[in-house]
Amino acid sequence: MRWLVMNSFDQRDYITVEDEDGIEKQFAVEALFNMENKNYAFLRSVNNKNDLFVMAVEDDEDGQVLTKIKDQQKREMVLDAYQIAVQCNPAE
């Protein structure tokens, strides 16, 4: 498992995501990692710092896209791995 965890809010990359209703929302990339040969991203809403999303990063013909993790057990496993990584590498 390889992690890239951003410790300082100033060091984060930001992305803009268009939701199902066509509304653009900005997110800070909290962490990127690979687990079991799949890539994941943790995104925090810029407008509401309490909103944290975990998404699968998949490749398609246009590049990389973010998708929901539909399997509840997989989502919980990814969240648990993220919590362990944060505990091992706490933000300053």
PDB file of N, CA and C in Angstrom:
ATOM      1  N   MET A   1       0.858  -1.158   0.000  1.00  0.00           N
ATOM      2  CA  MET A   1       0.000   0.000   0.000  1.00  0.00           C
ATOM      3  C   MET A   1       0.911   1.228   0.000  1.00  0.00           C
ATOM      4  N   ARG A   2       0.673   2.160  -0.912  1.00  0.00           N
ATOM      5  CA  ARG A   2       1.458   3.380  -1.002  1.00  0.00           C
ATOM      6  C   ARG A   2       0.546   4.560  -0.728  1.00  0.00           C
ATOM      7  N   TRP A   3       0.985   5.466   0.165  1.00  0.00           N
ATOM      8  CA  TRP A   3       0.176   6.611   0.571  1.00  0.00           C
ATOM      9  C   TRP A   3       0.868   7.905   0.240  1.00  0.00           C
ATOM     10  N   LEU A   4       0.094   8.893  -0.106  1.00  0.00           N
ATOM     11  CA  LEU A   4       0.557  10.275  -0.171  1.00  0.00           C
ATOM     12  C   LEU A   4      -0.452  11.067   0.644  1.00  0.00           C
ATOM     13  N   VAL A   5      -0.073  11.420   1.873  1.00  0.00           N
ATOM     14  CA  VAL A   5      -0.971  12.152   2.773  1.00  0.00           C
ATOM     15  C   VAL A   5      -0.478  13.583   2.876  1.00  0.00           C
ATOM     16  N   MET A   6      -1.371  14.550   2.646  1.00  0.00           N
ATOM     17  CA  MET A   6      -1.023  15.956   2.708  1.00  0.00           C
ATOM     18  C   MET A   6      -1.176  16.430   4.151  1.00  0.00           C
ATOM     19  N   ASN A   7      -0.086  16.905   4.769  1.00  0.00           N
ATOM     20  CA  ASN A   7      -0.123  17.301   6.177  1.00  0.00           C
ATOM     21  C   ASN A   7      -0.506  18.748   6.403  1.00  0.00           C
ATOM     22  N   SER A   8      -0.300  19.600   5.444  1.00  0.00           N
ATOM     23  CA  SER A   8      -0.588  21.021   5.611  1.00  0.00           C
ATOM     24  C   SER A   8      -1.642  21.434   4.600  1.00  0.00           C
ATOM     25  N   PHE A   9      -2.649  22.190   5.057  1.00  0.00           N
ATOM     26  CA  PHE A   9      -3.718  22.585   4.138  1.00  0.00           C
ATOM     27  C   PHE A   9      -3.175  23.437   2.997  1.00  0.00           C
ATOM     28  N   ASP A  10      -2.064  24.156   3.232  1.00  0.00           N
ATOM     29  CA  ASP A  10      -1.470  24.986   2.186  1.00  0.00           C
ATOM     30  C   ASP A  10      -0.797  24.157   1.101  1.00  0.00           C
ATOM     31  N   GLN A  11      -0.425  22.915   1.393  1.00  0.00           N
ATOM     32  CA  GLN A  11       0.293  22.074   0.450  1.00  0.00           C
ATOM     33  C   GLN A  11      -0.633  21.203  -0.392  1.00  0.00           C
ATOM     34  N   ARG A  12      -1.896  21.298  -0.212  1.00  0.00           N
ATOM     35  CA  ARG A  12      -2.821  20.414  -0.908  1.00  0.00           C
ATOM     36  C   ARG A  12      -3.048  20.856  -2.346  1.00  0.00           C
ATOM     37  N   ASP A  13      -3.355  19.866  -3.184  1.00  0.00           N
ATOM     38  CA  ASP A  13      -3.830  20.152  -4.527  1.00  0.00           C
ATOM     39  C   ASP A  13      -5.339  20.324  -4.439  1.00  0.00           C
ATOM     40  N   TYR A  14      -5.872  21.116  -5.346  1.00  0.00           N
ATOM     41  CA  TYR A  14      -7.313  21.352  -5.386  1.00  0.00           C
ATOM     42  C   TYR A  14      -7.857  20.900  -6.727  1.00  0.00           C
ATOM     43  N   ILE A  15      -9.052  20.320  -6.686  1.00  0.00           N
ATOM     44  CA  ILE A  15      -9.712  19.913  -7.919  1.00  0.00           C
ATOM     45  C   ILE A  15     -11.141  20.430  -7.904  1.00  0.00           C
ATOM     46  N   THR A  16     -11.697  20.578  -9.090  1.00  0.00           N
ATOM     47  CA  THR A  16     -13.095  20.965  -9.235  1.00  0.00           C
ATOM     48  C   THR A  16     -13.845  19.776  -9.814  1.00  0.00           C
ATOM     49  N   VAL A  17     -14.937  19.408  -9.168  1.00  0.00           N
ATOM     50  CA  VAL A  17     -15.737  18.257  -9.572  1.00  0.00           C
ATOM     51  C   VAL A  17     -17.139  18.741  -9.895  1.00  0.00           C
ATOM     52  N   GLU A  18     -17.689  18.235 -10.987  1.00  0.00           N
ATOM     53  CA  GLU A  18     -19.071  18.555 -11.352  1.00  0.00           C
ATOM     54  C   GLU A  18     -19.966  17.434 -10.844  1.00  0.00           C
ATOM     55  N   ASP A  19     -20.974  17.791 -10.027  1.00  0.00           N
ATOM     56  CA  ASP A  19     -21.859  16.767  -9.478  1.00  0.00           C
ATOM     57  C   ASP A  19     -22.930  16.365 -10.490  1.00  0.00           C
ATOM     58  N   GLU A  20     -23.837  15.481 -10.059  1.00  0.00           N
ATOM     59  CA  GLU A  20     -24.879  14.954 -10.950  1.00  0.00           C
ATOM     60  C   GLU A  20     -25.797  16.037 -11.493  1.00  0.00           C
ATOM     61  N   ASP A  21     -25.908  17.166 -10.765  1.00  0.00           N
ATOM     62  CA  ASP A  21     -26.777  18.265 -11.177  1.00  0.00           C
ATOM     63  C   ASP A  21     -26.046  19.315 -12.002  1.00  0.00           C
ATOM     64  N   GLY A  22     -24.771  19.053 -12.327  1.00  0.00           N
ATOM     65  CA  GLY A  22     -23.999  19.998 -13.126  1.00  0.00           C
ATOM     66  C   GLY A  22     -23.394  21.140 -12.323  1.00  0.00           C
ATOM     67  N   ILE A  23     -23.452  21.044 -11.004  1.00  0.00           N
ATOM     68  CA  ILE A  23     -22.902  22.092 -10.139  1.00  0.00           C
ATOM     69  C   ILE A  23     -21.439  21.771  -9.842  1.00  0.00           C
ATOM     70  N   GLU A  24     -20.570  22.761 -10.063  1.00  0.00           N
ATOM     71  CA  GLU A  24     -19.151  22.569  -9.800  1.00  0.00           C
ATOM     72  C   GLU A  24     -18.854  22.804  -8.321  1.00  0.00           C
ATOM     73  N   LYS A  25     -18.057  21.902  -7.754  1.00  0.00           N
ATOM     74  CA  LYS A  25     -17.661  21.998  -6.349  1.00  0.00           C
ATOM     75  C   LYS A  25     -16.154  21.820  -6.268  1.00  0.00           C
ATOM     76  N   GLN A  26     -15.529  22.572  -5.357  1.00  0.00           N
ATOM     77  CA  GLN A  26     -14.082  22.501  -5.217  1.00  0.00           C
ATOM     78  C   GLN A  26     -13.719  21.658  -3.995  1.00  0.00           C
ATOM     79  N   PHE A  27     -12.686  20.825  -4.177  1.00  0.00           N
ATOM     80  CA  PHE A  27     -12.215  19.940  -3.124  1.00  0.00           C
ATOM     81  C   PHE A  27     -10.704  20.033  -2.986  1.00  0.00           C
ATOM     82  N   ALA A  28     -10.241  19.857  -1.754  1.00  0.00           N
ATOM     83  CA  ALA A  28      -8.809  19.707  -1.487  1.00  0.00           C
ATOM     84  C   ALA A  28      -8.514  18.211  -1.475  1.00  0.00           C
ATOM     85  N   VAL A  29      -7.412  17.822  -2.089  1.00  0.00           N
ATOM     86  CA  VAL A  29      -7.009  16.420  -2.094  1.00  0.00           C
ATOM     87  C   VAL A  29      -6.273  16.149  -0.780  1.00  0.00           C
ATOM     88  N   GLU A  30      -6.894  15.362   0.091  1.00  0.00           N
ATOM     89  CA  GLU A  30      -6.317  15.032   1.400  1.00  0.00           C
ATOM     90  C   GLU A  30      -5.267  13.941   1.291  1.00  0.00           C
ATOM     91  N   ALA A  31      -5.544  12.933   0.472  1.00  0.00           N
ATOM     92  CA  ALA A  31      -4.616  11.807   0.345  1.00  0.00           C
ATOM     93  C   ALA A  31      -4.897  11.072  -0.953  1.00  0.00           C
ATOM     94  N   LEU A  32      -3.851  10.490  -1.507  1.00  0.00           N
ATOM     95  CA  LEU A  32      -3.941   9.601  -2.664  1.00  0.00           C
ATOM     96  C   LEU A  32      -3.235   8.315  -2.274  1.00  0.00           C
ATOM     97  N   PHE A  33      -3.818   7.177  -2.618  1.00  0.00           N
ATOM     98  CA  PHE A  33      -3.139   5.932  -2.291  1.00  0.00           C
ATOM     99  C   PHE A  33      -3.598   4.794  -3.178  1.00  0.00           C
ATOM    100  N   ASN A  34      -2.774   3.745  -3.166  1.00  0.00           N
ATOM    101  CA  ASN A  34      -3.046   2.539  -3.921  1.00  0.00           C
ATOM    102  C   ASN A  34      -3.190   1.398  -2.924  1.00  0.00           C
ATOM    103  N   MET A  35      -4.284   0.666  -3.050  1.00  0.00           N
ATOM    104  CA  MET A  35      -4.524  -0.481  -2.184  1.00  0.00           C
ATOM    105  C   MET A  35      -5.117  -1.593  -3.031  1.00  0.00           C
ATOM    106  N   GLU A  36      -4.502  -2.759  -2.990  1.00  0.00           N
ATOM    107  CA  GLU A  36      -4.964  -3.911  -3.763  1.00  0.00           C
ATOM    108  C   GLU A  36      -5.077  -3.569  -5.247  1.00  0.00           C
ATOM    109  N   ASN A  37      -4.061  -2.882  -5.767  1.00  0.00           N
ATOM    110  CA  ASN A  37      -3.968  -2.513  -7.187  1.00  0.00           C
ATOM    111  C   ASN A  37      -5.076  -1.577  -7.657  1.00  0.00           C
ATOM    112  N   LYS A  38      -5.684  -0.842  -6.743  1.00  0.00           N
ATOM    113  CA  LYS A  38      -6.678   0.173  -7.101  1.00  0.00           C
ATOM    114  C   LYS A  38      -6.269   1.486  -6.455  1.00  0.00           C
ATOM    115  N   ASN A  39      -6.551   2.583  -7.139  1.00  0.00           N
ATOM    116  CA  ASN A  39      -6.198   3.906  -6.640  1.00  0.00           C
ATOM    117  C   ASN A  39      -7.415   4.576  -6.009  1.00  0.00           C
ATOM    118  N   TYR A  40      -7.146   5.312  -4.918  1.00  0.00           N
ATOM    119  CA  TYR A  40      -8.199   6.005  -4.185  1.00  0.00           C
ATOM    120  C   TYR A  40      -7.758   7.424  -3.860  1.00  0.00           C
ATOM    121  N   ALA A  41      -8.739   8.305  -3.710  1.00  0.00           N
ATOM    122  CA  ALA A  41      -8.475   9.692  -3.326  1.00  0.00           C
ATOM    123  C   ALA A  41      -9.427  10.067  -2.193  1.00  0.00           C
ATOM    124  N   PHE A  42      -8.879  10.781  -1.208  1.00  0.00           N
ATOM    125  CA  PHE A  42      -9.697  11.367  -0.155  1.00  0.00           C
ATOM    126  C   PHE A  42      -9.797  12.848  -0.446  1.00  0.00           C
ATOM    127  N   LEU A  43     -11.023  13.335  -0.545  1.00  0.00           N
ATOM    128  CA  LEU A  43     -11.278  14.724  -0.910  1.00  0.00           C
ATOM    129  C   LEU A  43     -12.048  15.419   0.205  1.00  0.00           C
ATOM    130  N   ARG A  44     -11.625  16.634   0.540  1.00  0.00           N
ATOM    131  CA  ARG A  44     -12.327  17.433   1.551  1.00  0.00           C
ATOM    132  C   ARG A  44     -12.923  18.653   0.866  1.00  0.00           C
ATOM    133  N   SER A  45     -14.204  18.893   1.120  1.00  0.00           N
ATOM    134  CA  SER A  45     -14.888  20.045   0.546  1.00  0.00           C
ATOM    135  C   SER A  45     -14.230  21.336   1.016  1.00  0.00           C
ATOM    136  N   VAL A  46     -13.991  22.254   0.090  1.00  0.00           N
ATOM    137  CA  VAL A  46     -13.421  23.552   0.438  1.00  0.00           C
ATOM    138  C   VAL A  46     -14.452  24.382   1.194  1.00  0.00           C
ATOM    139  N   ASN A  47     -15.731  24.227   0.856  1.00  0.00           N
ATOM    140  CA  ASN A  47     -16.799  25.013   1.481  1.00  0.00           C
ATOM    141  C   ASN A  47     -17.213  24.485   2.850  1.00  0.00           C
ATOM    142  N   ASN A  48     -17.062  23.185   3.066  1.00  0.00           N
ATOM    143  CA  ASN A  48     -17.433  22.588   4.348  1.00  0.00           C
ATOM    144  C   ASN A  48     -16.346  21.593   4.733  1.00  0.00           C
ATOM    145  N   LYS A  49     -15.436  22.015   5.583  1.00  0.00           N
ATOM    146  CA  LYS A  49     -14.263  21.207   5.943  1.00  0.00           C
ATOM    147  C   LYS A  49     -14.635  19.884   6.618  1.00  0.00           C
ATOM    148  N   ASN A  50     -15.883  19.745   7.080  1.00  0.00           N
ATOM    149  CA  ASN A  50     -16.317  18.499   7.707  1.00  0.00           C
ATOM    150  C   ASN A  50     -16.715  17.440   6.688  1.00  0.00           C
ATOM    151  N   ASP A  51     -16.875  17.824   5.424  1.00  0.00           N
ATOM    152  CA  ASP A  51     -17.261  16.874   4.378  1.00  0.00           C
ATOM    153  C   ASP A  51     -16.017  16.235   3.781  1.00  0.00           C
ATOM    154  N   LEU A  52     -15.825  14.937   4.067  1.00  0.00           N
ATOM    155  CA  LEU A  52     -14.702  14.177   3.538  1.00  0.00           C
ATOM    156  C   LEU A  52     -15.253  13.026   2.710  1.00  0.00           C
ATOM    157  N   PHE A  53     -14.755  12.894   1.490  1.00  0.00           N
ATOM    158  CA  PHE A  53     -15.233  11.863   0.573  1.00  0.00           C
ATOM    159  C   PHE A  53     -14.079  10.965   0.173  1.00  0.00           C
ATOM    160  N   VAL A  54     -14.341   9.677   0.089  1.00  0.00           N
ATOM    161  CA  VAL A  54     -13.362   8.737  -0.447  1.00  0.00           C
ATOM    162  C   VAL A  54     -13.900   8.263  -1.795  1.00  0.00           C
ATOM    163  N   MET A  55     -13.050   8.350  -2.807  1.00  0.00           N
ATOM    164  CA  MET A  55     -13.465   8.006  -4.163  1.00  0.00           C
ATOM    165  C   MET A  55     -12.428   7.075  -4.786  1.00  0.00           C
ATOM    166  N   ALA A  56     -12.888   6.211  -5.671  1.00  0.00           N
ATOM    167  CA  ALA A  56     -11.970   5.398  -6.465  1.00  0.00           C
ATOM    168  C   ALA A  56     -11.509   6.242  -7.647  1.00  0.00           C
ATOM    169  N   VAL A  57     -10.245   6.111  -8.011  1.00  0.00           N
ATOM    170  CA  VAL A  57      -9.693   6.807  -9.169  1.00  0.00           C
ATOM    171  C   VAL A  57      -9.548   5.762 -10.265  1.00  0.00           C
ATOM    172  N   GLU A  58     -10.276   5.958 -11.361  1.00  0.00           N
ATOM    173  CA  GLU A  58     -10.258   4.992 -12.455  1.00  0.00           C
ATOM    174  C   GLU A  58      -9.853   5.679 -13.744  1.00  0.00           C
ATOM    175  N   ASP A  59      -9.263   4.904 -14.635  1.00  0.00           N
ATOM    176  CA  ASP A  59      -8.863   5.414 -15.943  1.00  0.00           C
ATOM    177  C   ASP A  59      -9.955   5.131 -16.961  1.00  0.00           C
ATOM    178  N   ASP A  60     -10.218   6.119 -17.821  1.00  0.00           N
ATOM    179  CA  ASP A  60     -11.089   5.898 -18.971  1.00  0.00           C
ATOM    180  C   ASP A  60     -10.433   6.537 -20.185  1.00  0.00           C
ATOM    181  N   GLU A  61     -11.119   6.570 -21.310  1.00  0.00           N
ATOM    182  CA  GLU A  61     -10.524   7.077 -22.553  1.00  0.00           C
ATOM    183  C   GLU A  61     -10.164   8.561 -22.488  1.00  0.00           C
ATOM    184  N   ASP A  62     -10.771   9.308 -21.568  1.00  0.00           N
ATOM    185  CA  ASP A  62     -10.491  10.739 -21.438  1.00  0.00           C
ATOM    186  C   ASP A  62      -9.485  11.054 -20.330  1.00  0.00           C
ATOM    187  N   GLY A  63      -9.002  10.050 -19.626  1.00  0.00           N
ATOM    188  CA  GLY A  63      -8.075  10.272 -18.520  1.00  0.00           C
ATOM    189  C   GLY A  63      -8.591   9.619 -17.253  1.00  0.00           C
ATOM    190  N   GLN A  64      -8.336  10.243 -16.129  1.00  0.00           N
ATOM    191  CA  GLN A  64      -8.773   9.693 -14.850  1.00  0.00           C
ATOM    192  C   GLN A  64     -10.109  10.295 -14.427  1.00  0.00           C
ATOM    193  N   VAL A  65     -10.941   9.442 -13.828  1.00  0.00           N
ATOM    194  CA  VAL A  65     -12.239   9.881 -13.314  1.00  0.00           C
ATOM    195  C   VAL A  65     -12.391   9.378 -11.879  1.00  0.00           C
ATOM    196  N   LEU A  66     -13.173  10.096 -11.097  1.00  0.00           N
ATOM    197  CA  LEU A  66     -13.487   9.702  -9.730  1.00  0.00           C
ATOM    198  C   LEU A  66     -14.835   9.001  -9.721  1.00  0.00           C
ATOM    199  N   THR A  67     -14.911   7.866  -9.034  1.00  0.00           N
ATOM    200  CA  THR A  67     -16.162   7.116  -8.950  1.00  0.00           C
ATOM    201  C   THR A  67     -16.433   6.739  -7.498  1.00  0.00           C
ATOM    202  N   LYS A  68     -17.711   6.537  -7.198  1.00  0.00           N
ATOM    203  CA  LYS A  68     -18.111   6.094  -5.863  1.00  0.00           C
ATOM    204  C   LYS A  68     -17.600   4.681  -5.620  1.00  0.00           C
ATOM    205  N   ILE A  69     -17.336   4.384  -4.358  1.00  0.00           N
ATOM    206  CA  ILE A  69     -17.036   3.007  -3.965  1.00  0.00           C
ATOM    207  C   ILE A  69     -18.366   2.416  -3.526  1.00  0.00           C
ATOM    208  N   LYS A  70     -18.947   1.579  -4.367  1.00  0.00           N
ATOM    209  CA  LYS A  70     -20.304   1.085  -4.128  1.00  0.00           C
ATOM    210  C   LYS A  70     -20.364  -0.007  -3.066  1.00  0.00           C
ATOM    211  N   ASP A  71     -19.311  -0.790  -2.943  1.00  0.00           N
ATOM    212  CA  ASP A  71     -19.264  -1.886  -1.981  1.00  0.00           C
ATOM    213  C   ASP A  71     -18.999  -1.323  -0.578  1.00  0.00           C
ATOM    214  N   GLN A  72     -19.966  -1.446   0.317  1.00  0.00           N
ATOM    215  CA  GLN A  72     -19.861  -0.900   1.676  1.00  0.00           C
ATOM    216  C   GLN A  72     -18.661  -1.471   2.417  1.00  0.00           C
ATOM    217  N   GLN A  73     -18.421  -2.767   2.288  1.00  0.00           N
ATOM    218  CA  GLN A  73     -17.293  -3.396   2.976  1.00  0.00           C
ATOM    219  C   GLN A  73     -15.966  -2.841   2.456  1.00  0.00           C
ATOM    220  N   LYS A  74     -15.846  -2.652   1.159  1.00  0.00           N
ATOM    221  CA  LYS A  74     -14.634  -2.087   0.565  1.00  0.00           C
ATOM    222  C   LYS A  74     -14.436  -0.652   1.048  1.00  0.00           C
ATOM    223  N   ARG A  75     -15.518   0.142   1.072  1.00  0.00           N
ATOM    224  CA  ARG A  75     -15.437   1.530   1.528  1.00  0.00           C
ATOM    225  C   ARG A  75     -14.953   1.594   2.981  1.00  0.00           C
ATOM    226  N   GLU A  76     -15.483   0.723   3.837  1.00  0.00           N
ATOM    227  CA  GLU A  76     -15.059   0.698   5.238  1.00  0.00           C
ATOM    228  C   GLU A  76     -13.600   0.283   5.370  1.00  0.00           C
ATOM    229  N   MET A  77     -13.160  -0.659   4.549  1.00  0.00           N
ATOM    230  CA  MET A  77     -11.774  -1.092   4.578  1.00  0.00           C
ATOM    231  C   MET A  77     -10.839   0.054   4.172  1.00  0.00           C
ATOM    232  N   VAL A  78     -11.228   0.808   3.150  1.00  0.00           N
ATOM    233  CA  VAL A  78     -10.433   1.946   2.691  1.00  0.00           C
ATOM    234  C   VAL A  78     -10.404   3.035   3.762  1.00  0.00           C
ATOM    235  N   LEU A  79     -11.540   3.318   4.379  1.00  0.00           N
ATOM    236  CA  LEU A  79     -11.593   4.322   5.451  1.00  0.00           C
ATOM    237  C   LEU A  79     -10.735   3.915   6.649  1.00  0.00           C
ATOM    238  N   ASP A  80     -10.779   2.640   7.014  1.00  0.00           N
ATOM    239  CA  ASP A  80      -9.950   2.153   8.119  1.00  0.00           C
ATOM    240  C   ASP A  80      -8.467   2.322   7.802  1.00  0.00           C
ATOM    241  N   ALA A  81      -8.075   1.996   6.578  1.00  0.00           N
ATOM    242  CA  ALA A  81      -6.676   2.144   6.172  1.00  0.00           C
ATOM    243  C   ALA A  81      -6.259   3.611   6.225  1.00  0.00           C
ATOM    244  N   TYR A  82      -7.143   4.507   5.819  1.00  0.00           N
ATOM    245  CA  TYR A  82      -6.847   5.944   5.869  1.00  0.00           C
ATOM    246  C   TYR A  82      -6.648   6.404   7.313  1.00  0.00           C
ATOM    247  N   GLN A  83      -7.520   5.968   8.207  1.00  0.00           N
ATOM    248  CA  GLN A  83      -7.406   6.364   9.615  1.00  0.00           C
ATOM    249  C   GLN A  83      -6.092   5.885  10.220  1.00  0.00           C
ATOM    250  N   ILE A  84      -5.671   4.679   9.876  1.00  0.00           N
ATOM    251  CA  ILE A  84      -4.396   4.158  10.367  1.00  0.00           C
ATOM    252  C   ILE A  84      -3.245   5.006   9.838  1.00  0.00           C
ATOM    253  N   ALA A  85      -3.292   5.365   8.556  1.00  0.00           N
ATOM    254  CA  ALA A  85      -2.229   6.185   7.965  1.00  0.00           C
ATOM    255  C   ALA A  85      -2.149   7.553   8.629  1.00  0.00           C
ATOM    256  N   VAL A  86      -3.290   8.154   8.919  1.00  0.00           N
ATOM    257  CA  VAL A  86      -3.308   9.471   9.567  1.00  0.00           C
ATOM    258  C   VAL A  86      -2.756   9.369  10.990  1.00  0.00           C
ATOM    259  N   GLN A  87      -3.105   8.304  11.699  1.00  0.00           N
ATOM    260  CA  GLN A  87      -2.595   8.122  13.060  1.00  0.00           C
ATOM    261  C   GLN A  87      -1.077   7.937  13.065  1.00  0.00           C
ATOM    262  N   CYS A  88      -0.561   7.278  12.043  1.00  0.00           N
ATOM    263  CA  CYS A  88       0.886   7.052  11.947  1.00  0.00           C
ATOM    264  C   CYS A  88       1.629   8.295  11.471  1.00  0.00           C
ATOM    265  N   ASN A  89       0.918   9.211  10.816  1.00  0.00           N
ATOM    266  CA  ASN A  89       1.530  10.411  10.248  1.00  0.00           C
ATOM    267  C   ASN A  89       0.617  11.604  10.522  1.00  0.00           C
ATOM    268  N   PRO A  90       0.468  12.009  11.792  1.00  0.00           N
ATOM    269  CA  PRO A  90      -0.488  13.083  12.119  1.00  0.00           C
ATOM    270  C   PRO A  90      -0.081  14.429  11.534  1.00  0.00           C
ATOM    271  N   ALA A  91      -1.084  15.234  11.217  1.00  0.00           N
ATOM    272  CA  ALA A  91      -0.841  16.593  10.711  1.00  0.00           C
ATOM    273  C   ALA A  91      -0.278  17.445  11.835  1.00  0.00           C
ATOM    274  N   GLU A  92       0.522  18.420  11.438  1.00  0.00           N
ATOM    275  CA  GLU A  92       1.124  19.309  12.440  1.00  0.00           C
ATOM    276  C   GLU A  92       0.133  20.359  12.889  1.00  0.00           C
TER     277      GLU A  92
END
